[in-house]
Amino acid sequence: MASSTPSSKQKQDSELLFKGVICALIGLVILIGPHFARSADMGEILRQAYLPGWFALVLGCAFLIRYGLIRWRDRARR
């Protein structure tokens, strides 16, 4: 297994953070969207998409937890 340079590790960590935030935001928008939809049709579409909304939210939270664990582990090594 090839060792990572510090800059590539930082890039991977920041990408993990970015993915986590984006996935969590998409999930939240899908889940709370029906309450703010102005059109009844759009509200119904968003209500039917609750499973992908929950999946995106859970996946985003998992990415964020992973990012936090990586940061915590790196801080503990110092």
N, C-alpha and C. Protein backbone atom coordinates (compact mmCIF):
# COMPACT_ATOMS: atom_id res chain seq x y z
N MET A 1 0.85 -1.18 0.00
CA MET A 1 0.00 0.00 0.00
C MET A 1 0.89 1.23 0.00
N ALA A 2 0.66 2.14 -0.93
CA ALA A 2 1.49 3.33 -1.07
C ALA A 2 1.15 4.33 0.03
N SER A 3 2.19 4.97 0.54
CA SER A 3 1.94 5.98 1.58
C SER A 3 1.51 7.28 0.93
N SER A 4 0.65 8.00 1.61
CA SER A 4 0.14 9.27 1.10
C SER A 4 1.01 10.41 1.59
N THR A 5 1.18 11.39 0.74
CA THR A 5 1.87 12.59 1.17
C THR A 5 0.90 13.41 2.01
N PRO A 6 1.40 14.28 2.87
CA PRO A 6 0.50 15.06 3.72
C PRO A 6 -0.51 15.89 2.93
N SER A 7 -0.10 16.44 1.79
CA SER A 7 -1.02 17.28 1.03
C SER A 7 -2.14 16.44 0.40
N SER A 8 -1.83 15.23 -0.05
CA SER A 8 -2.88 14.39 -0.63
C SER A 8 -3.82 13.90 0.47
N LYS A 9 -3.30 13.66 1.68
CA LYS A 9 -4.16 13.27 2.79
C LYS A 9 -5.09 14.40 3.18
N GLN A 10 -4.57 15.61 3.20
CA GLN A 10 -5.42 16.76 3.51
C GLN A 10 -6.49 16.93 2.44
N LYS A 11 -6.13 16.68 1.18
CA LYS A 11 -7.11 16.80 0.10
C LYS A 11 -8.19 15.73 0.25
N GLN A 12 -7.80 14.51 0.58
CA GLN A 12 -8.78 13.45 0.79
C GLN A 12 -9.70 13.77 1.96
N ASP A 13 -9.14 14.31 3.03
CA ASP A 13 -9.95 14.67 4.19
C ASP A 13 -10.94 15.78 3.86
N SER A 14 -10.47 16.79 3.12
CA SER A 14 -11.38 17.88 2.77
C SER A 14 -12.45 17.41 1.79
N GLU A 15 -12.12 16.47 0.91
CA GLU A 15 -13.14 15.91 0.01
C GLU A 15 -14.18 15.11 0.79
N LEU A 16 -13.74 14.39 1.82
CA LEU A 16 -14.66 13.64 2.66
C LEU A 16 -15.61 14.59 3.39
N LEU A 17 -15.08 15.69 3.90
CA LEU A 17 -15.91 16.70 4.55
C LEU A 17 -16.90 17.29 3.57
N PHE A 18 -16.44 17.62 2.37
CA PHE A 18 -17.31 18.20 1.34
C PHE A 18 -18.44 17.23 0.98
N LYS A 19 -18.10 15.97 0.75
CA LYS A 19 -19.12 14.97 0.42
C LYS A 19 -20.14 14.84 1.54
N GLY A 20 -19.66 14.83 2.78
CA GLY A 20 -20.57 14.71 3.91
C GLY A 20 -21.55 15.86 4.02
N VAL A 21 -21.03 17.07 3.86
CA VAL A 21 -21.89 18.25 3.96
C VAL A 21 -22.91 18.26 2.82
N ILE A 22 -22.45 17.99 1.60
CA ILE A 22 -23.36 18.02 0.44
C ILE A 22 -24.44 16.95 0.57
N CYS A 23 -24.06 15.72 0.91
CA CYS A 23 -25.05 14.64 1.05
C CYS A 23 -26.06 14.96 2.15
N ALA A 24 -25.58 15.45 3.27
CA ALA A 24 -26.49 15.78 4.37
C ALA A 24 -27.44 16.90 3.98
N LEU A 25 -26.94 17.91 3.28
CA LEU A 25 -27.81 19.00 2.85
C LEU A 25 -28.85 18.53 1.84
N ILE A 26 -28.45 17.68 0.90
CA ILE A 26 -29.41 17.15 -0.06
C ILE A 26 -30.49 16.37 0.66
N GLY A 27 -30.09 15.53 1.60
CA GLY A 27 -31.07 14.76 2.37
C GLY A 27 -32.03 15.65 3.14
N LEU A 28 -31.50 16.69 3.78
CA LEU A 28 -32.36 17.62 4.52
C LEU A 28 -33.34 18.35 3.61
N VAL A 29 -32.84 18.78 2.46
CA VAL A 29 -33.72 19.50 1.52
C VAL A 29 -34.85 18.59 1.05
N ILE A 30 -34.54 17.35 0.76
CA ILE A 30 -35.58 16.41 0.31
C ILE A 30 -36.58 16.14 1.42
N LEU A 31 -36.08 16.00 2.66
CA LEU A 31 -36.99 15.66 3.76
C LEU A 31 -37.85 16.83 4.23
N ILE A 32 -37.31 18.04 4.24
CA ILE A 32 -38.13 19.17 4.70
C ILE A 32 -38.77 19.93 3.55
N GLY A 33 -38.42 19.57 2.33
CA GLY A 33 -38.96 20.25 1.15
C GLY A 33 -40.47 20.25 1.05
N PRO A 34 -41.16 19.13 1.34
CA PRO A 34 -42.62 19.15 1.21
C PRO A 34 -43.31 20.19 2.09
N HIS A 35 -42.70 20.56 3.19
CA HIS A 35 -43.31 21.54 4.08
C HIS A 35 -43.22 22.96 3.53
N PHE A 36 -42.27 23.19 2.62
CA PHE A 36 -42.07 24.53 2.07
C PHE A 36 -42.40 24.64 0.60
N ALA A 37 -42.83 23.54 -0.03
CA ALA A 37 -43.13 23.55 -1.46
C ALA A 37 -44.37 24.40 -1.71
N ARG A 38 -44.27 25.29 -2.67
CA ARG A 38 -45.41 26.17 -2.99
C ARG A 38 -46.42 25.46 -3.88
N SER A 39 -45.95 24.53 -4.68
CA SER A 39 -46.84 23.80 -5.57
C SER A 39 -47.20 22.45 -4.94
N ALA A 40 -48.43 22.06 -5.06
CA ALA A 40 -48.87 20.78 -4.51
C ALA A 40 -48.18 19.62 -5.22
N ASP A 41 -47.96 19.77 -6.52
CA ASP A 41 -47.29 18.70 -7.28
C ASP A 41 -45.84 18.52 -6.81
N MET A 42 -45.15 19.62 -6.60
CA MET A 42 -43.76 19.52 -6.14
C MET A 42 -43.71 18.94 -4.73
N GLY A 43 -44.63 19.31 -3.88
CA GLY A 43 -44.69 18.74 -2.54
C GLY A 43 -44.92 17.24 -2.58
N GLU A 44 -45.77 16.80 -3.49
CA GLU A 44 -46.03 15.37 -3.62
C GLU A 44 -44.80 14.62 -4.13
N ILE A 45 -44.10 15.21 -5.08
CA ILE A 45 -42.86 14.59 -5.59
C ILE A 45 -41.85 14.44 -4.46
N LEU A 46 -41.68 15.48 -3.67
CA LEU A 46 -40.72 15.42 -2.57
C LEU A 46 -41.16 14.44 -1.48
N ARG A 47 -42.48 14.33 -1.25
CA ARG A 47 -42.97 13.36 -0.26
C ARG A 47 -42.68 11.93 -0.71
N GLN A 48 -42.76 11.68 -2.01
CA GLN A 48 -42.49 10.35 -2.52
C GLN A 48 -41.01 10.00 -2.51
N ALA A 49 -40.15 11.00 -2.36
CA ALA A 49 -38.70 10.79 -2.38
C ALA A 49 -38.11 10.74 -0.98
N TYR A 50 -38.90 10.36 0.01
CA TYR A 50 -38.39 10.37 1.38
C TYR A 50 -37.30 9.31 1.60
N LEU A 51 -37.38 8.15 0.94
CA LEU A 51 -36.34 7.13 1.13
C LEU A 51 -34.97 7.60 0.64
N PRO A 52 -34.87 8.14 -0.58
CA PRO A 52 -33.56 8.68 -0.98
C PRO A 52 -33.12 9.84 -0.10
N GLY A 53 -34.07 10.61 0.43
CA GLY A 53 -33.73 11.69 1.33
C GLY A 53 -33.09 11.19 2.61
N TRP A 54 -33.68 10.15 3.19
CA TRP A 54 -33.10 9.56 4.41
C TRP A 54 -31.75 8.93 4.11
N PHE A 55 -31.65 8.27 2.94
CA PHE A 55 -30.37 7.65 2.57
C PHE A 55 -29.28 8.70 2.45
N ALA A 56 -29.58 9.80 1.77
CA ALA A 56 -28.59 10.87 1.60
C ALA A 56 -28.21 11.48 2.95
N LEU A 57 -29.18 11.66 3.82
CA LEU A 57 -28.89 12.23 5.13
C LEU A 57 -28.00 11.30 5.96
N VAL A 58 -28.33 10.02 5.98
CA VAL A 58 -27.54 9.06 6.75
C VAL A 58 -26.14 8.92 6.16
N LEU A 59 -26.04 8.87 4.83
CA LEU A 59 -24.74 8.77 4.18
C LEU A 59 -23.89 10.01 4.48
N GLY A 60 -24.50 11.17 4.40
CA GLY A 60 -23.77 12.40 4.71
C GLY A 60 -23.30 12.42 6.15
N CYS A 61 -24.14 11.99 7.07
CA CYS A 61 -23.74 11.93 8.48
C CYS A 61 -22.61 10.92 8.69
N ALA A 62 -22.66 9.81 7.96
CA ALA A 62 -21.58 8.81 8.08
C ALA A 62 -20.26 9.40 7.58
N PHE A 63 -20.30 10.14 6.47
CA PHE A 63 -19.08 10.79 5.98
C PHE A 63 -18.56 11.79 7.00
N LEU A 64 -19.45 12.56 7.61
CA LEU A 64 -19.03 13.55 8.60
C LEU A 64 -18.46 12.89 9.85
N ILE A 65 -19.05 11.79 10.28
CA ILE A 65 -18.52 11.06 11.43
C ILE A 65 -17.14 10.49 11.09
N ARG A 66 -17.00 9.96 9.90
CA ARG A 66 -15.70 9.43 9.48
C ARG A 66 -14.65 10.54 9.47
N TYR A 67 -15.02 11.70 8.94
CA TYR A 67 -14.11 12.85 8.92
C TYR A 67 -13.71 13.23 10.35
N GLY A 68 -14.68 13.28 11.25
CA GLY A 68 -14.40 13.62 12.63
C GLY A 68 -13.48 12.61 13.31
N LEU A 69 -13.69 11.33 13.03
CA LEU A 69 -12.83 10.30 13.61
C LEU A 69 -11.40 10.41 13.08
N ILE A 70 -11.25 10.72 11.81
CA ILE A 70 -9.91 10.89 11.23
C ILE A 70 -9.21 12.07 11.90
N ARG A 71 -9.92 13.17 12.04
CA ARG A 71 -9.32 14.35 12.69
C ARG A 71 -8.97 14.06 14.14
N TRP A 72 -9.85 13.37 14.85
CA TRP A 72 -9.62 13.06 16.26
C TRP A 72 -8.41 12.14 16.40
N ARG A 73 -8.31 11.13 15.51
CA ARG A 73 -7.18 10.21 15.55
C ARG A 73 -5.87 10.93 15.24
N ASP A 74 -5.89 11.82 14.26
CA ASP A 74 -4.69 12.58 13.92
C ASP A 74 -4.27 13.50 15.07
N ARG A 75 -5.23 14.10 15.73
CA ARG A 75 -4.93 14.97 16.87
C ARG A 75 -4.36 14.17 18.03
N ALA A 76 -4.86 12.95 18.24
CA ALA A 76 -4.39 12.11 19.34
C ALA A 76 -2.95 11.64 19.09
N ARG A 77 -2.54 11.53 17.84
CA ARG A 77 -1.19 11.09 17.52
C ARG A 77 -0.14 12.16 17.82
N ARG A 78 -0.54 13.39 17.84
CA ARG A 78 0.42 14.49 18.05
C ARG A 78 0.88 14.59 19.45
